[in-house]
Amino acid sequence: MGASYQQFCPVAKAMEVLDERWTLLVVRELVAGSRHFNDLRRGLPRMSPSLLSKRLQQLVAAGVVRREPAGTEVHYLLTAAGRELEPVVLALGAWGVRWIGELGDADLDPRLLLWDMHRHVDHAALPAGRTVVHFRFPGTAPRLRDWWLVLTAAAADADVCDADPGHPVTVTVTAGLRCLTQVWRGDVSWRQALRSSDLRIDGPETLRRALPGWFRTTAFAEVPRPPVPA
């Protein structure tokens, strides 16, 4: 737990638990469904493993998270107190969508983008069998340029790969990283992005048209934006 503000105000007491760097983002990942340490790391790719371990220990000590052994694994689960933070996380995200300005280049990360997309796959909308979506980001560093989502409708399975998994590619999405991030955030629509030169989908026409429907819209993408000043 962070240092005490030495105030009786419940906001101050809550922030003693939540306002250390990364803490609320760890809660965000748990709200989003991550349960394993490695999954939490993938949702927080710029957070060191040692700091993640420390923050989890602090959240366990505060009664927000419980650590539950499961065979050879350990699950991290929100307690009743932790689950009450879900609307707080969603409200903060909605506020950020509405009132925080342009994304900086440092805010763009294909690892995090693909990880979040894989959590929102609508498996019922996928074609039968295995679907492989190859994402190419030509403007990024070579090691971050190519990604694959391997999706299986019957098993409701979705894997994120940063190396070619060796399966035939169903469709290829070539996009600017900023463009696809804006689509995912709901700042622009798939249709608008496809009309620009920043996003292209290659593959059979029926699958090209179907691809946007393979992903469920995030709660933040549905937040109404404030009107643009005249």
Protein backbone atom coordinates (compact mmCIF):
# COMPACT_ATOMS: atom_id res chain seq x y z
CA MET A 1 0.00 0.00 0.00
CA GLY A 2 1.19 3.51 -0.78
CA ALA A 3 2.08 6.15 1.78
CA SER A 4 -0.80 7.49 3.85
CA TYR A 5 -2.34 10.84 2.96
CA GLN A 6 -3.34 11.11 6.62
CA GLN A 7 -6.85 12.22 5.72
CA PHE A 8 -10.13 10.69 6.84
CA CYS A 9 -11.66 11.36 3.40
CA PRO A 10 -12.63 8.02 1.79
CA VAL A 11 -11.26 9.22 -1.56
CA ALA A 12 -7.86 9.68 0.08
CA LYS A 13 -8.09 6.26 1.74
CA ALA A 14 -8.99 4.60 -1.58
CA MET A 15 -6.12 6.33 -3.37
CA GLU A 16 -3.66 5.04 -0.79
CA VAL A 17 -4.36 1.64 -2.37
CA LEU A 18 -4.87 2.59 -6.01
CA ASP A 19 -2.76 5.60 -6.99
CA GLU A 20 0.70 4.02 -7.24
CA ARG A 21 2.00 3.71 -10.79
CA TRP A 22 0.45 0.79 -12.75
CA THR A 23 -1.83 -0.33 -9.89
CA LEU A 24 -5.14 0.63 -11.47
CA LEU A 25 -4.00 -0.78 -14.83
CA VAL A 26 -3.39 -4.12 -13.13
CA VAL A 27 -6.99 -3.90 -11.88
CA ARG A 28 -8.07 -3.02 -15.45
CA GLU A 29 -6.49 -6.21 -16.74
CA LEU A 30 -8.19 -8.31 -14.07
CA VAL A 31 -11.52 -6.65 -14.89
CA ALA A 32 -10.88 -7.51 -18.57
CA GLY A 33 -10.54 -11.19 -17.67
CA SER A 34 -6.82 -11.86 -17.25
CA ARG A 35 -6.12 -14.45 -14.56
CA HIS A 36 -2.53 -15.58 -15.04
CA PHE A 37 0.68 -13.66 -14.42
CA ASN A 38 1.79 -14.05 -18.06
CA ASP A 39 -1.57 -12.83 -19.35
CA LEU A 40 -1.30 -9.78 -17.10
CA ARG A 41 2.17 -9.15 -18.52
CA ARG A 42 0.84 -9.29 -22.07
CA GLY A 43 -1.78 -6.70 -21.23
CA LEU A 44 0.90 -4.53 -19.59
CA PRO A 45 3.87 -5.05 -21.93
CA ARG A 46 5.89 -2.09 -20.62
CA MET A 47 5.59 -3.10 -16.96
CA SER A 48 8.49 -5.08 -15.51
CA PRO A 49 7.73 -8.56 -14.09
CA SER A 50 9.16 -7.57 -10.70
CA LEU A 51 6.93 -4.51 -10.44
CA LEU A 52 3.87 -6.50 -11.54
CA SER A 53 4.61 -9.06 -8.83
CA LYS A 54 4.96 -6.28 -6.26
CA ARG A 55 1.68 -4.62 -7.25
CA LEU A 56 -0.17 -7.94 -7.12
CA GLN A 57 1.18 -8.55 -3.63
CA GLN A 58 0.00 -5.10 -2.57
CA LEU A 59 -3.47 -5.69 -4.03
CA VAL A 60 -3.69 -9.05 -2.27
CA ALA A 61 -2.66 -7.42 1.02
CA ALA A 62 -5.30 -4.71 0.50
CA GLY A 63 -8.05 -7.30 -0.05
CA VAL A 64 -8.67 -6.28 -3.66
CA VAL A 65 -7.22 -9.45 -5.23
CA ARG A 66 -6.95 -13.04 -4.03
CA ARG A 67 -4.16 -15.39 -5.05
CA GLU A 68 -5.56 -18.86 -5.77
CA PRO A 69 -3.31 -21.87 -6.53
CA ALA A 70 -4.72 -24.04 -9.33
CA GLY A 71 -2.58 -27.15 -9.81
CA THR A 72 0.78 -25.98 -11.11
CA GLU A 73 -0.58 -22.50 -11.85
CA VAL A 74 -1.64 -19.52 -9.79
CA HIS A 75 -4.78 -17.53 -10.58
CA TYR A 76 -5.26 -13.91 -9.57
CA LEU A 77 -8.92 -13.10 -9.03
CA LEU A 78 -10.75 -9.97 -7.97
CA THR A 79 -12.43 -10.15 -4.58
CA ALA A 80 -15.83 -8.59 -3.93
CA ALA A 81 -13.99 -5.34 -3.17
CA GLY A 82 -12.05 -5.65 -6.42
CA ARG A 83 -15.15 -6.32 -8.49
CA GLU A 84 -16.67 -3.09 -7.18
CA LEU A 85 -13.85 -1.27 -8.98
CA GLU A 86 -15.14 -2.36 -12.42
CA PRO A 87 -17.48 0.65 -12.86
CA VAL A 88 -14.66 2.90 -11.63
CA VAL A 89 -12.33 1.54 -14.33
CA LEU A 90 -15.02 1.88 -17.00
CA ALA A 91 -15.87 5.43 -15.91
CA LEU A 92 -12.20 6.45 -16.02
CA GLY A 93 -11.84 4.93 -19.48
CA ALA A 94 -14.96 6.70 -20.73
CA TRP A 95 -13.68 9.99 -19.35
CA GLY A 96 -10.33 9.40 -21.06
CA VAL A 97 -12.03 8.73 -24.40
CA ARG A 98 -14.08 11.91 -24.15
CA TRP A 99 -11.60 14.38 -22.76
CA ILE A 100 -8.00 13.26 -23.32
CA GLY A 101 -6.58 14.51 -26.60
CA GLU A 102 -4.53 13.06 -29.43
CA LEU A 103 -2.54 9.88 -28.91
CA GLY A 104 1.22 10.31 -28.94
CA ASP A 105 3.48 7.97 -30.89
CA ALA A 106 4.67 6.41 -27.61
CA ASP A 107 1.05 5.43 -26.84
CA LEU A 108 0.88 3.12 -29.87
CA ASP A 109 1.83 -0.50 -29.24
CA PRO A 110 0.93 -3.39 -31.58
CA ARG A 111 1.45 -5.93 -28.77
CA LEU A 112 -1.20 -4.34 -26.61
CA LEU A 113 -3.51 -3.66 -29.57
CA LEU A 114 -3.52 -7.29 -30.75
CA TRP A 115 -3.82 -8.59 -27.21
CA ASP A 116 -6.92 -6.46 -26.64
CA MET A 117 -8.40 -7.43 -30.01
CA HIS A 118 -7.97 -11.14 -29.24
CA ARG A 119 -10.06 -10.68 -26.07
CA HIS A 120 -12.99 -9.35 -28.10
CA VAL A 121 -13.29 -11.98 -30.81
CA ASP A 122 -16.89 -12.95 -31.61
CA HIS A 123 -16.32 -16.65 -32.17
CA ALA A 124 -19.90 -17.17 -33.31
CA ALA A 125 -19.21 -14.86 -36.27
CA LEU A 126 -16.10 -16.70 -37.49
CA PRO A 127 -16.01 -19.07 -40.46
CA ALA A 128 -15.87 -22.78 -39.64
CA GLY A 129 -12.45 -24.21 -38.88
CA ARG A 130 -9.30 -22.18 -38.29
CA THR A 131 -9.14 -18.51 -39.22
CA VAL A 132 -5.75 -16.81 -39.42
CA VAL A 133 -5.60 -13.02 -39.65
CA HIS A 134 -2.20 -11.60 -40.55
CA PHE A 135 -1.67 -8.00 -39.40
CA ARG A 136 1.08 -5.92 -41.00
CA PHE A 137 2.17 -2.53 -39.68
CA PRO A 138 4.64 -1.25 -42.32
CA GLY A 139 5.61 1.87 -40.37
CA THR A 140 6.78 0.05 -37.23
CA ALA A 141 10.13 -1.45 -36.28
CA PRO A 142 10.81 -4.79 -38.05
CA ARG A 143 10.39 -6.86 -34.87
CA LEU A 144 6.91 -5.36 -34.31
CA ARG A 145 5.77 -5.32 -37.92
CA ASP A 146 3.99 -8.68 -38.36
CA TRP A 147 1.42 -10.30 -36.10
CA TRP A 148 -1.04 -13.17 -36.45
CA LEU A 149 -4.33 -13.92 -34.74
CA VAL A 150 -5.16 -17.62 -34.90
CA LEU A 151 -8.88 -18.03 -34.26
CA THR A 152 -10.89 -21.23 -33.88
CA ALA A 153 -14.67 -20.97 -33.88
CA ALA A 154 -15.53 -24.39 -32.44
CA ALA A 155 -13.11 -24.17 -29.50
CA ALA A 156 -13.71 -20.45 -28.90
CA ASP A 157 -9.93 -20.11 -28.97
CA ALA A 158 -7.79 -17.09 -29.92
CA ASP A 159 -4.00 -16.92 -29.96
CA VAL A 160 -1.75 -13.92 -30.59
CA CYS A 161 1.50 -14.77 -32.41
CA ASP A 162 4.48 -12.51 -33.12
CA ALA A 163 6.04 -15.21 -35.33
CA ASP A 164 4.45 -16.93 -38.31
CA PRO A 165 2.44 -19.85 -36.88
CA GLY A 166 2.76 -21.73 -40.16
CA HIS A 167 -0.96 -21.93 -40.97
CA PRO A 168 -2.48 -20.65 -44.23
CA VAL A 169 -3.51 -16.99 -43.88
CA THR A 170 -7.24 -16.31 -44.28
CA VAL A 171 -7.01 -12.52 -44.65
CA THR A 172 -4.27 -9.92 -44.29
CA VAL A 173 -4.80 -6.52 -42.69
CA THR A 174 -2.20 -3.92 -43.68
CA ALA A 175 -2.54 -0.73 -41.68
CA GLY A 176 -0.84 2.18 -40.05
CA LEU A 177 -0.59 1.39 -36.36
CA ARG A 178 -2.23 4.69 -35.45
CA CYS A 179 -5.08 4.03 -37.90
CA LEU A 180 -5.95 0.56 -36.58
CA THR A 181 -5.63 1.80 -33.00
CA GLN A 182 -8.11 4.58 -33.76
CA VAL A 183 -10.49 2.05 -35.32
CA TRP A 184 -10.23 -0.15 -32.26
CA ARG A 185 -10.80 2.78 -29.90
CA GLY A 186 -13.86 3.80 -31.92
CA ASP A 187 -12.38 7.13 -33.03
CA VAL A 188 -13.02 6.18 -36.67
CA SER A 189 -15.07 3.36 -38.19
CA TRP A 190 -13.77 0.42 -40.20
CA ARG A 191 -15.56 1.90 -43.21
CA GLN A 192 -13.87 5.27 -42.80
CA ALA A 193 -10.44 3.66 -42.38
CA LEU A 194 -10.92 1.45 -45.43
CA ARG A 195 -11.80 4.49 -47.52
CA SER A 196 -8.47 6.03 -46.57
CA SER A 197 -5.06 4.83 -47.68
CA ASP A 198 -4.13 3.80 -44.13
CA LEU A 199 -5.90 0.44 -43.93
CA ARG A 200 -6.35 -2.38 -46.43
CA ILE A 201 -7.79 -5.89 -46.10
CA ASP A 202 -6.63 -8.53 -48.59
CA GLY A 203 -8.31 -11.89 -49.13
CA PRO A 204 -11.51 -13.33 -50.59
CA GLU A 205 -14.17 -10.64 -50.86
CA THR A 206 -16.69 -12.34 -48.55
CA LEU A 207 -14.05 -12.65 -45.82
CA ARG A 208 -12.79 -9.10 -46.33
CA ARG A 209 -16.30 -7.80 -45.79
CA ALA A 210 -16.89 -10.08 -42.81
CA LEU A 211 -13.70 -9.31 -40.88
CA PRO A 212 -14.89 -6.25 -38.90
CA GLY A 213 -17.76 -8.37 -37.57
CA TRP A 214 -15.34 -10.93 -36.15
CA PHE A 215 -14.59 -8.52 -33.31
CA ARG A 216 -16.97 -7.30 -30.65
CA THR A 217 -16.97 -3.56 -30.03
CA THR A 218 -15.30 -2.53 -26.78
CA ALA A 219 -17.16 -0.56 -24.13
CA PHE A 220 -14.84 2.39 -24.70
CA ALA A 221 -15.44 2.42 -28.46
CA GLU A 222 -19.14 3.00 -27.77
CA VAL A 223 -18.58 6.08 -25.58
CA PRO A 224 -20.13 9.19 -27.22
CA ARG A 225 -17.50 11.76 -28.13
CA PRO A 226 -18.02 15.42 -27.23
CA PRO A 227 -19.04 17.63 -30.15
CA VAL A 228 -16.20 19.14 -32.14
CA PRO A 229 -16.05 22.91 -31.49
CA ALA A 230 -17.29 24.97 -34.42
